[in-house]
């Protein structure tokens, strides 16, 4: 079962990331989709572990919940997790799709992490809006696992380091301190667009470069759907990316962490994720896979690795 949900947040920065210019400090609404077993979504199961999915630059919540006539069911990460009994929140970050932002300069990745922290707290308290709310209570989380892809992995790690309120992290293709030439060219291109006052900048100058940044093995139908759905990146996120990556790697995160990467990822020349805080750190890599691990041909193996990690956690977190 799935429900459309929304969160009231304020676009400001409580992390150690420097944001210039500053976020607008205004209230905004973040929209998401809650997917899971019917008993949980209807509020009949008490508290439950929630898995919150945080997307990259240039994509959106659709990255985790891709559906369509020419898209295989194996590439719908959120639904496949829900079929395994997991409760999943597919979030559109501020500035993307159903969570619009008029001025792309008016936020930053530190603010994105702060707003994610508000989402986490709202899920614990059950204080969020549910469309078509049943008579039963709003489902609320007992534990939360953050799954982040690319820049979303940076946001998830910043949230965990700032608030210490989640139980585990799954970081897919996290932004590396050793980016590839293609990534550097993409960032320079975004910076030039933003310097001209555009507010938002495309992730990848062309559809071809966008596909190269994300994919190495994904089916053609998946790649075409992603190109149709791709989003431009808020310029505030672009400007704050270097400081955010350094801040995320410099802060201790004392929770179990799974880092997943594709060996054919054209966006990176190295991993760049270090173990901090003495927490359990696991790494898995997938031959022939690019950055967009849940959408690649290796998606079933990626899910198996995630489920193995999650199911190995303490019983209360599963």
Protein backbone atom coordinates (compact mmCIF):
# COMPACT_ATOMS: atom_id res chain seq x y z
CA UNK A 1 0.00 0.00 0.00
CA UNK A 2 1.17 3.56 -0.62
CA UNK A 3 0.08 7.00 0.52
CA UNK A 4 1.13 10.51 -0.47
CA UNK A 5 2.51 12.32 2.58
CA UNK A 6 3.98 15.76 3.30
CA UNK A 7 6.13 17.49 5.90
CA UNK A 8 6.21 21.10 7.09
CA UNK A 9 9.83 22.26 7.30
CA UNK A 10 11.84 25.48 7.51
CA UNK A 11 14.60 26.06 4.97
CA UNK A 12 17.50 26.98 7.25
CA UNK A 13 20.89 25.52 8.10
CA UNK A 14 21.82 23.98 11.47
CA UNK A 15 24.83 22.00 10.22
CA UNK A 16 28.51 22.94 10.08
CA UNK A 17 28.30 23.53 6.32
CA UNK A 18 28.87 27.12 5.22
CA UNK A 19 26.00 28.35 3.03
CA UNK A 20 26.51 31.52 1.00
CA UNK A 21 24.09 33.04 0.29
CA UNK A 22 22.06 31.88 3.26
CA UNK A 23 18.87 29.80 2.87
CA UNK A 24 15.65 31.81 2.77
CA UNK A 25 14.59 30.76 6.30
CA UNK A 26 11.00 30.30 5.13
CA UNK A 27 8.52 27.49 5.72
CA UNK A 28 8.17 24.98 2.90
CA UNK A 29 6.38 21.72 2.26
CA UNK A 30 8.32 18.58 1.39
CA UNK A 31 6.30 15.88 -0.34
CA UNK A 32 6.94 12.18 -0.27
CA UNK A 33 5.39 8.77 -0.77
CA UNK A 34 4.98 6.24 2.04
CA UNK A 35 5.11 2.64 0.80
CA UNK A 36 4.91 -0.51 2.87
CA UNK A 37 2.77 -3.31 4.28
CA UNK A 38 -0.92 -2.36 4.55
CA UNK A 39 -1.01 -2.94 8.30
CA UNK A 40 1.74 -0.34 8.75
CA UNK A 41 0.43 2.26 6.30
CA UNK A 42 -3.04 2.04 7.86
CA UNK A 43 -1.53 2.64 11.31
CA UNK A 44 -2.47 -0.80 12.68
CA UNK A 45 1.04 -1.99 13.50
CA UNK A 46 2.24 0.46 16.13
CA UNK A 47 5.76 1.75 15.53
CA UNK A 48 8.01 0.38 12.78
CA UNK A 49 11.46 0.89 11.29
CA UNK A 50 11.21 3.39 8.42
CA UNK A 51 13.65 3.51 5.51
CA UNK A 52 13.98 7.07 4.19
CA UNK A 53 15.32 7.37 0.63
CA UNK A 54 17.26 10.55 -0.26
CA UNK A 55 17.96 11.22 -3.94
CA UNK A 56 20.95 12.72 -5.77
CA UNK A 57 21.34 15.99 -7.67
CA UNK A 58 19.61 15.91 -11.05
CA UNK A 59 17.20 13.11 -10.18
CA UNK A 60 14.28 13.16 -7.71
CA UNK A 61 12.14 10.81 -5.68
CA UNK A 62 11.34 8.97 -8.92
CA UNK A 63 14.90 7.55 -8.83
CA UNK A 64 13.85 5.18 -6.03
CA UNK A 65 10.33 4.45 -7.27
CA UNK A 66 10.69 4.35 -11.05
CA UNK A 67 7.63 2.96 -12.80
CA UNK A 68 6.37 2.89 -16.35
CA UNK A 69 5.36 0.70 -19.24
CA UNK A 70 8.94 0.28 -20.46
CA UNK A 71 10.58 0.13 -17.06
CA UNK A 72 11.23 -3.24 -15.49
CA UNK A 73 9.88 -3.97 -12.03
CA UNK A 74 13.40 -4.80 -10.81
CA UNK A 75 14.31 -1.10 -11.02
CA UNK A 76 11.59 -0.01 -8.56
CA UNK A 77 13.76 -0.10 -5.44
CA UNK A 78 11.13 1.25 -3.02
CA UNK A 79 8.38 -1.17 -4.00
CA UNK A 80 10.69 -4.16 -3.97
CA UNK A 81 11.82 -3.26 -0.42
CA UNK A 82 8.18 -2.87 0.62
CA UNK A 83 7.43 -6.33 -0.76
CA UNK A 84 10.07 -7.63 1.66
CA UNK A 85 8.14 -6.10 4.54
CA UNK A 86 10.03 -2.80 4.80
CA UNK A 87 8.32 0.58 5.30
CA UNK A 88 9.77 3.13 2.89
CA UNK A 89 9.59 6.93 2.56
CA UNK A 90 10.45 8.24 -0.92
CA UNK A 91 11.28 11.93 -0.47
CA UNK A 92 11.41 14.79 -2.98
CA UNK A 93 14.04 17.17 -1.61
CA UNK A 94 13.37 20.91 -1.70
CA UNK A 95 13.74 22.20 -5.26
CA UNK A 96 12.72 18.92 -6.89
CA UNK A 97 9.43 17.85 -8.48
CA UNK A 98 6.62 17.94 -5.88
CA UNK A 99 8.72 20.01 -3.42
CA UNK A 100 9.22 23.18 -5.52
CA UNK A 101 11.50 26.10 -4.74
CA UNK A 102 11.21 29.31 -6.72
CA UNK A 103 14.76 30.55 -6.11
CA UNK A 104 17.40 27.84 -6.45
CA UNK A 105 19.97 30.06 -4.70
CA UNK A 106 17.82 30.14 -1.57
CA UNK A 107 18.89 26.78 -0.12
CA UNK A 108 22.05 24.66 0.33
CA UNK A 109 23.03 21.13 1.25
CA UNK A 110 23.34 22.07 4.91
CA UNK A 111 19.73 23.23 4.80
CA UNK A 112 18.76 20.05 2.94
CA UNK A 113 20.27 18.03 5.81
CA UNK A 114 18.49 20.21 8.38
CA UNK A 115 15.15 19.69 6.62
CA UNK A 116 15.85 15.95 6.45
CA UNK A 117 16.34 16.09 10.22
CA UNK A 118 12.86 17.60 10.56
CA UNK A 119 11.45 14.79 8.40
CA UNK A 120 13.11 12.21 10.65
CA UNK A 121 11.67 13.80 13.80
CA UNK A 122 8.21 14.09 12.22
CA UNK A 123 8.29 10.38 11.36
CA UNK A 124 9.18 9.47 14.94
CA UNK A 125 6.33 11.61 16.27
CA UNK A 126 3.81 10.76 13.55
CA UNK A 127 3.44 14.51 12.91
CA UNK A 128 3.03 14.72 9.14
CA UNK A 129 0.16 14.88 6.69
CA UNK A 130 -1.20 11.75 5.03
CA UNK A 131 -3.48 12.01 2.00
CA UNK A 132 -6.58 9.85 2.29
CA UNK A 133 -5.77 9.35 5.96
CA UNK A 134 -7.51 6.25 7.35
CA UNK A 135 -9.29 6.37 10.67
CA UNK A 136 -6.39 4.60 12.34
CA UNK A 137 -3.45 6.55 13.74
CA UNK A 138 -0.76 8.03 11.52
CA UNK A 139 2.07 5.49 11.27
CA UNK A 140 5.17 6.49 13.17
CA UNK A 141 8.74 5.24 13.24
CA UNK A 142 10.50 3.45 16.08
CA UNK A 143 13.82 3.49 14.18
CA UNK A 144 15.02 5.08 10.95
CA UNK A 145 17.55 3.98 8.35
CA UNK A 146 18.65 6.62 5.82
CA UNK A 147 19.44 5.53 2.25
CA UNK A 148 21.20 8.18 0.16
CA UNK A 149 22.46 8.24 -3.41
CA UNK A 150 25.19 10.60 -4.65
CA UNK A 151 24.61 14.04 -3.17
CA UNK A 152 21.74 12.48 -1.23
CA UNK A 153 24.31 10.30 0.54
CA UNK A 154 26.12 13.48 1.62
CA UNK A 155 22.84 14.94 2.90
CA UNK A 156 22.04 11.72 4.79
CA UNK A 157 25.50 11.60 6.37
CA UNK A 158 25.28 15.26 7.42
CA UNK A 159 21.89 14.63 9.00
CA UNK A 160 23.17 11.62 10.93
CA UNK A 161 26.26 13.49 12.14
CA UNK A 162 24.31 16.60 13.15
CA UNK A 163 21.38 15.03 14.98
CA UNK A 164 22.46 11.47 15.95
CA UNK A 165 18.87 10.31 15.50
CA UNK A 166 19.06 7.46 12.98
CA UNK A 167 20.10 3.85 13.48
CA UNK A 168 21.95 3.08 10.22
CA UNK A 169 23.06 4.51 6.87
CA UNK A 170 23.05 3.04 3.37
CA UNK A 171 25.24 5.23 1.15
CA UNK A 172 25.08 4.52 -2.59
CA UNK A 173 27.73 6.02 -4.88
CA UNK A 174 28.51 8.81 -2.38
CA UNK A 175 30.19 11.93 -3.77
CA UNK A 176 33.90 11.22 -3.81
CA UNK A 177 36.82 13.45 -2.93
CA UNK A 178 38.38 11.91 -6.06
CA UNK A 179 35.87 12.91 -8.76
CA UNK A 180 36.35 11.91 -12.39
CA UNK A 181 37.11 14.37 -15.17
CA UNK A 182 33.48 14.05 -16.30
CA UNK A 183 32.25 15.06 -12.84
CA UNK A 184 34.62 18.01 -12.67
CA UNK A 185 33.44 19.19 -16.09
CA UNK A 186 29.83 18.83 -14.95
CA UNK A 187 30.45 20.85 -11.79
CA UNK A 188 32.28 23.57 -13.71
CA UNK A 189 29.40 23.75 -16.18
CA UNK A 190 26.87 24.04 -13.36
CA UNK A 191 28.96 26.74 -11.72
CA UNK A 192 29.04 28.78 -14.93
CA UNK A 193 25.25 28.51 -15.34
CA UNK A 194 24.70 29.53 -11.72
CA UNK A 195 27.12 32.46 -12.02
CA UNK A 196 24.88 33.84 -14.74
CA UNK A 197 21.97 34.00 -12.26
CA UNK A 198 19.96 31.04 -13.53
CA UNK A 199 19.02 29.70 -10.08
CA UNK A 200 19.05 26.09 -11.30
CA UNK A 201 21.66 24.27 -13.39
CA UNK A 202 21.35 21.03 -15.40
CA UNK A 203 23.16 17.98 -14.06
CA UNK A 204 24.99 17.02 -17.22
CA UNK A 205 25.10 19.47 -20.12
CA UNK A 206 23.28 17.05 -22.44
CA UNK A 207 21.12 13.95 -22.11
CA UNK A 208 24.11 11.89 -23.16
CA UNK A 209 26.34 13.28 -20.41
CA UNK A 210 23.54 12.78 -17.88
CA UNK A 211 23.35 9.12 -18.87
CA UNK A 212 27.13 8.77 -18.64
CA UNK A 213 27.12 10.19 -15.11
CA UNK A 214 24.49 7.73 -13.93
CA UNK A 215 24.53 4.58 -15.99
CA UNK A 216 26.77 1.79 -17.21
CA UNK A 217 24.36 -1.13 -17.58
CA UNK A 218 20.76 0.07 -17.07
CA UNK A 219 18.15 -1.09 -19.63
CA UNK A 220 17.45 1.37 -22.44
CA UNK A 221 13.89 1.97 -21.21
CA UNK A 222 15.18 2.92 -17.77
CA UNK A 223 17.72 5.35 -19.20
CA UNK A 224 15.15 7.02 -21.43
CA UNK A 225 12.71 7.37 -18.53
CA UNK A 226 15.46 8.93 -16.37
CA UNK A 227 16.30 11.46 -19.08
CA UNK A 228 12.63 12.47 -19.32
CA UNK A 229 12.37 12.88 -15.56
CA UNK A 230 15.71 14.51 -14.76
CA UNK A 231 15.74 17.73 -12.76
CA UNK A 232 18.07 20.68 -12.68
CA UNK A 233 20.01 21.25 -9.45
CA UNK A 234 19.35 24.25 -7.16
CA UNK A 235 22.38 26.54 -7.45
CA UNK A 236 22.63 26.78 -3.67
CA UNK A 237 23.22 23.02 -3.58
CA UNK A 238 25.84 23.35 -6.33
CA UNK A 239 27.73 26.08 -4.47
CA UNK A 240 27.73 24.22 -1.16
CA UNK A 241 28.72 20.79 -2.50
CA UNK A 242 32.51 20.97 -1.86
CA UNK A 243 32.16 22.20 1.73
CA UNK A 244 29.35 19.69 2.36
CA UNK A 245 31.40 16.72 1.21
CA UNK A 246 34.34 17.76 3.38
CA UNK A 247 32.07 18.42 6.38
CA UNK A 248 30.29 15.08 5.99
CA UNK A 249 33.58 13.18 5.89
CA UNK A 250 35.04 15.16 8.77
CA UNK A 251 32.22 14.43 11.22
CA UNK A 252 31.84 11.26 13.25
CA UNK A 253 28.84 9.07 12.46
CA UNK A 254 28.64 6.31 15.05
CA UNK A 255 26.02 4.11 13.38
CA UNK A 256 26.38 1.02 11.17
CA UNK A 257 27.04 2.16 7.61
CA UNK A 258 26.90 0.31 4.29
CA UNK A 259 28.72 1.93 1.34
CA UNK A 260 27.81 0.64 -2.12
CA UNK A 261 29.60 1.53 -5.35
CA UNK A 262 29.70 0.49 -8.99
CA UNK A 263 33.05 -0.44 -10.48
CA UNK A 264 32.06 1.21 -13.79
CA UNK A 265 30.93 4.47 -12.17
CA UNK A 266 32.03 7.24 -14.55
CA UNK A 267 31.49 9.97 -11.92
CA UNK A 268 34.40 9.00 -9.66
CA UNK A 269 38.03 7.97 -9.54
CA UNK A 270 37.86 6.86 -5.91
CA UNK A 271 35.55 6.19 -2.99
CA UNK A 272 36.57 8.82 -0.46
CA UNK A 273 34.39 7.50 2.40
CA UNK A 274 36.32 7.03 5.63
CA UNK A 275 35.29 5.21 8.78
CA UNK A 276 34.72 7.69 11.62
CA UNK A 277 33.31 7.32 15.09
CA UNK A 278 34.31 3.69 15.49
CA UNK A 279 31.06 2.43 13.96
CA UNK A 280 30.67 -0.67 11.83
CA UNK A 281 31.47 0.09 8.19
CA UNK A 282 30.79 -2.32 5.32
CA UNK A 283 31.59 -1.86 1.64
CA UNK A 284 30.25 -3.61 -1.42
CA UNK A 285 31.04 -2.97 -5.06
CA UNK A 286 29.36 -4.29 -8.19
CA UNK A 287 31.17 -5.17 -11.40
CA UNK A 288 29.81 -3.44 -14.48
CA UNK A 289 27.56 -1.06 -12.54
CA UNK A 290 27.54 2.72 -12.74
CA UNK A 291 26.41 5.28 -10.19
CA UNK A 292 22.64 4.65 -10.36
CA UNK A 293 22.82 1.30 -8.57
CA UNK A 294 19.07 0.76 -7.99
CA UNK A 295 18.41 1.33 -11.71
CA UNK A 296 21.25 -0.73 -13.17
CA UNK A 297 21.03 -4.37 -14.29
CA UNK A 298 22.69 -5.20 -10.97
CA UNK A 299 19.66 -3.83 -9.06
CA UNK A 300 18.61 -7.23 -7.64
CA UNK A 301 22.12 -7.84 -6.27
CA UNK A 302 22.17 -4.30 -4.84
CA UNK A 303 18.89 -4.95 -3.00
CA UNK A 304 20.13 -8.26 -1.68
CA UNK A 305 23.20 -6.53 -0.25
CA UNK A 306 21.04 -3.84 1.37
CA UNK A 307 18.58 -6.35 2.82
CA UNK A 308 21.41 -8.51 4.13
CA UNK A 309 22.91 -5.48 5.86
CA UNK A 310 19.58 -4.27 7.27
CA UNK A 311 18.56 -7.73 8.44
CA UNK A 312 21.91 -8.15 10.22
CA UNK A 313 21.19 -5.14 12.43
CA UNK A 314 19.72 -5.43 15.88
CA UNK A 315 16.24 -6.99 15.84
CA UNK A 316 14.64 -3.71 16.92
CA UNK A 317 16.02 -1.89 13.88
CA UNK A 318 15.01 -4.31 11.14
